[in-house]
Amino acid sequence: MLGFLSLGLAACDEDDSAVFVSSVQPNFTELDLTTDGALPGTWSYEGELTLVFQSREQSQYDVVLEENENGKRRTSHFEGHLFRLGPDTFLDLYPTQLPDGSEFYQLHFFPSHTVAKIEFFGDEMRLTFLSAPWLSREIKDGAISLPHAITNGALLLTATTKEIQEVLSANSSNEQAFSEPIPFEQVTHEEER
């Protein structure tokens, strides 16, 4: 089964029960928001996963996620926001419909925000999600102090936006802090037909 986050998440070791990081608070403030003309359109990962971004008002995007799960197509809807912290750009995703979508979407049964670094390389977009096993270990070892709960395989951060941003900024170049990048190829109008 192809789950959206399982594409880029490292396997948990026995001491780390969380495989997914989400937060109650958004990962951005209004001052952090940005846009990128490269984002709107359709992006595909190996024909199994498609993300469609459509611009809305004030740095907001409608995001449609389509997954192939055992030959069945599942669709989920999110509100997306691009934001910058220092030199890095991040994507915050928040569900906009009841959980009747993909496995990834169902992890959001409690509406919560997820965050990924986002980078563009020509016709390729890479999403790199925050690593739940790494963050779980850092919290457990006392290296990072963030209010949280672990529920249904998700590390749910109850920290403030500022506290979350401090962790993102301090670890943005730490390869262990993020999962393997998920490379998406831009789909041209001819390929959509």
Protein backbone atom coordinates (compact mmCIF):
# COMPACT_ATOMS: atom_id res chain seq x y z
CA MET A 1 0.00 0.00 0.00
CA LEU A 2 1.27 3.40 -0.96
CA GLY A 3 0.69 5.96 1.81
CA PHE A 4 1.66 9.55 1.08
CA LEU A 5 3.98 9.95 4.02
CA SER A 6 5.41 6.46 3.87
CA LEU A 7 7.11 7.51 0.63
CA GLY A 8 9.51 9.76 2.46
CA LEU A 9 9.50 8.68 6.09
CA ALA A 10 12.26 6.62 7.59
CA ALA A 11 11.14 3.52 9.44
CA CYS A 12 10.72 3.96 13.18
CA ASP A 13 12.97 2.03 15.50
CA GLU A 14 11.39 0.13 18.36
CA ASP A 15 11.51 3.09 20.78
CA ASP A 16 9.78 5.53 18.44
CA SER A 17 6.08 4.93 17.98
CA ALA A 18 5.32 8.09 15.97
CA VAL A 19 5.68 8.00 12.19
CA PHE A 20 3.97 11.28 11.38
CA VAL A 21 4.31 14.86 12.73
CA SER A 22 1.36 17.23 12.87
CA SER A 23 0.57 20.32 14.89
CA VAL A 24 -2.51 21.95 16.35
CA GLN A 25 -1.18 25.42 15.51
CA PRO A 26 -0.19 26.51 12.00
CA ASN A 27 3.51 26.37 11.20
CA PHE A 28 3.45 29.95 9.85
CA THR A 29 2.44 33.48 10.74
CA GLU A 30 0.98 35.99 8.28
CA LEU A 31 4.41 37.69 8.10
CA ASP A 32 6.06 34.44 6.92
CA LEU A 33 3.75 33.82 3.95
CA THR A 34 5.07 33.83 0.41
CA THR A 35 4.05 32.62 -3.04
CA ASP A 36 5.93 30.87 -5.82
CA GLY A 37 4.87 30.96 -9.46
CA ALA A 38 6.36 27.48 -9.93
CA LEU A 39 3.85 25.83 -7.56
CA PRO A 40 0.42 26.11 -9.25
CA GLY A 41 -0.31 23.14 -11.48
CA THR A 42 -0.22 19.37 -11.36
CA TRP A 43 2.66 17.37 -9.87
CA SER A 44 3.06 13.59 -10.01
CA TYR A 45 5.11 11.04 -8.10
CA GLU A 46 5.64 7.89 -10.19
CA GLY A 47 2.03 7.95 -11.42
CA GLU A 48 0.86 6.78 -7.98
CA LEU A 49 0.42 10.16 -6.33
CA THR A 50 -0.74 13.48 -7.76
CA LEU A 51 -0.83 16.92 -6.14
CA VAL A 52 -2.76 19.73 -7.79
CA PHE A 53 -2.10 23.26 -6.53
CA GLN A 54 -4.42 26.14 -7.40
CA SER A 55 -3.73 29.70 -6.21
CA ARG A 56 -6.26 31.46 -4.01
CA GLU A 57 -6.23 34.77 -2.19
CA GLN A 58 -3.48 35.99 0.12
CA SER A 59 -0.79 33.35 -0.35
CA GLN A 60 -3.23 30.46 0.00
CA TYR A 61 -3.47 27.41 -2.26
CA ASP A 62 -6.18 24.82 -2.78
CA VAL A 63 -4.41 21.46 -2.78
CA VAL A 64 -5.94 18.25 -4.11
CA LEU A 65 -4.13 15.01 -3.31
CA GLU A 66 -4.95 11.93 -5.40
CA GLU A 67 -3.50 8.56 -4.47
CA ASN A 68 -3.70 5.13 -6.04
CA GLU A 69 -4.25 2.63 -3.23
CA ASN A 70 -4.62 -0.96 -4.42
CA GLY A 71 -6.06 0.22 -7.73
CA LYS A 72 -8.54 2.56 -6.04
CA ARG A 73 -8.20 6.30 -6.54
CA ARG A 74 -8.60 8.38 -3.36
CA THR A 75 -8.94 12.16 -3.32
CA SER A 76 -8.27 14.51 -0.40
CA HIS A 77 -8.50 18.29 -0.13
CA PHE A 78 -6.19 20.63 1.77
CA GLU A 79 -5.51 24.30 2.26
CA GLY A 80 -1.85 25.02 1.60
CA HIS A 81 0.36 27.91 2.61
CA LEU A 82 3.93 28.53 1.50
CA PHE A 83 6.09 30.27 4.07
CA ARG A 84 9.73 31.19 4.48
CA LEU A 85 11.99 30.76 7.47
CA GLY A 86 15.41 32.15 6.69
CA PRO A 87 16.61 30.72 3.37
CA ASP A 88 14.13 27.81 3.39
CA THR A 89 10.61 27.57 2.01
CA PHE A 90 8.05 25.32 3.69
CA LEU A 91 4.56 24.08 2.84
CA ASP A 92 1.88 23.90 5.56
CA LEU A 93 -1.06 21.60 4.74
CA TYR A 94 -4.40 21.64 6.56
CA PRO A 95 -7.40 19.40 5.65
CA THR A 96 -10.52 21.16 4.35
CA GLN A 97 -13.01 18.29 4.21
CA LEU A 98 -14.18 15.47 6.44
CA PRO A 99 -11.79 12.51 6.46
CA ASP A 100 -13.09 10.52 3.52
CA GLY A 101 -9.86 10.41 1.55
CA SER A 102 -6.53 8.70 1.39
CA GLU A 103 -4.61 7.04 4.19
CA PHE A 104 -2.60 10.25 4.56
CA TYR A 105 -5.77 12.29 4.87
CA GLN A 106 -7.27 9.91 7.42
CA LEU A 107 -4.29 10.57 9.69
CA HIS A 108 -5.87 14.02 10.04
CA PHE A 109 -9.03 12.83 11.79
CA PHE A 110 -8.27 15.64 14.22
CA PRO A 111 -7.71 18.57 11.85
CA SER A 112 -4.04 19.39 12.16
CA HIS A 113 -1.23 21.00 10.21
CA THR A 114 1.64 19.15 8.56
CA VAL A 115 4.84 20.75 7.33
CA ALA A 116 7.39 19.94 4.64
CA LYS A 117 10.34 21.75 3.15
CA ILE A 118 9.62 22.48 -0.50
CA GLU A 119 12.22 22.98 -3.23
CA PHE A 120 11.99 23.41 -6.98
CA PHE A 121 14.57 22.17 -9.50
CA GLY A 122 13.27 22.98 -12.98
CA ASP A 123 10.30 20.65 -13.57
CA GLU A 124 10.87 18.83 -10.28
CA MET A 125 9.39 19.69 -6.89
CA ARG A 126 10.76 18.00 -3.75
CA LEU A 127 8.75 17.71 -0.53
CA THR A 128 10.73 16.77 2.58
CA PHE A 129 8.60 16.17 5.68
CA LEU A 130 9.73 16.66 9.26
CA SER A 131 10.88 13.29 10.64
CA ALA A 132 8.68 11.95 13.44
CA PRO A 133 11.21 9.32 14.61
CA TRP A 134 13.95 11.97 14.86
CA LEU A 135 11.75 14.52 16.64
CA SER A 136 10.39 11.84 19.00
CA ARG A 137 13.95 10.86 19.99
CA GLU A 138 15.02 14.50 20.43
CA ILE A 139 12.03 15.17 22.71
CA LYS A 140 12.55 11.92 24.64
CA ASP A 141 16.27 12.70 25.14
CA GLY A 142 15.49 16.25 26.28
CA ALA A 143 17.37 17.90 23.40
CA ILE A 144 14.14 19.54 22.23
CA SER A 145 11.32 20.66 24.50
CA LEU A 146 7.95 20.89 22.76
CA PRO A 147 4.48 20.27 24.20
CA HIS A 148 3.07 17.23 22.37
CA ALA A 149 1.06 14.02 22.43
CA ILE A 150 1.53 10.77 20.52
CA THR A 151 -1.72 9.41 19.13
CA ASN A 152 -2.51 6.91 16.35
CA GLY A 153 1.07 6.93 15.09
CA ALA A 154 1.18 10.72 14.94
CA LEU A 155 3.32 13.03 17.00
CA LEU A 156 0.81 15.85 17.61
CA LEU A 157 2.58 19.07 18.56
CA THR A 158 0.58 21.32 20.86
CA ALA A 159 3.36 23.90 20.88
CA THR A 160 2.97 27.49 19.71
CA THR A 161 3.76 28.49 16.15
CA LYS A 162 6.86 30.30 17.41
CA GLU A 163 8.14 27.20 19.24
CA ILE A 164 7.63 25.02 16.15
CA GLN A 165 9.34 27.56 13.91
CA GLU A 166 12.34 27.67 16.25
CA VAL A 167 12.77 23.90 15.84
CA LEU A 168 12.34 24.11 12.05
CA SER A 169 14.83 26.98 11.74
CA ALA A 170 17.43 25.44 14.05
CA ASN A 171 17.31 22.09 12.22
CA SER A 172 16.57 23.05 8.61
CA SER A 173 20.00 21.83 7.43
CA ASN A 174 20.03 18.76 9.68
CA GLU A 175 19.43 15.83 7.33
CA GLN A 176 18.26 13.61 10.22
CA ALA A 177 15.50 16.10 11.09
CA PHE A 178 13.74 15.51 7.78
CA SER A 179 12.63 12.45 5.85
CA GLU A 180 13.89 11.48 2.41
CA PRO A 181 12.70 13.97 -0.23
CA ILE A 182 9.70 12.93 -2.31
CA PRO A 183 10.40 14.02 -5.92
CA PHE A 184 7.39 15.16 -7.95
CA GLU A 185 7.53 15.82 -11.69
CA GLN A 186 5.45 18.62 -13.16
CA VAL A 187 2.67 17.34 -15.41
CA THR A 188 2.25 19.26 -18.66
CA HIS A 189 -1.14 19.97 -20.24
CA GLU A 190 -0.43 17.34 -22.91
CA GLU A 191 0.23 14.69 -20.24
CA GLU A 192 -3.05 15.53 -18.43
CA ARG A 193 -5.06 14.66 -21.54
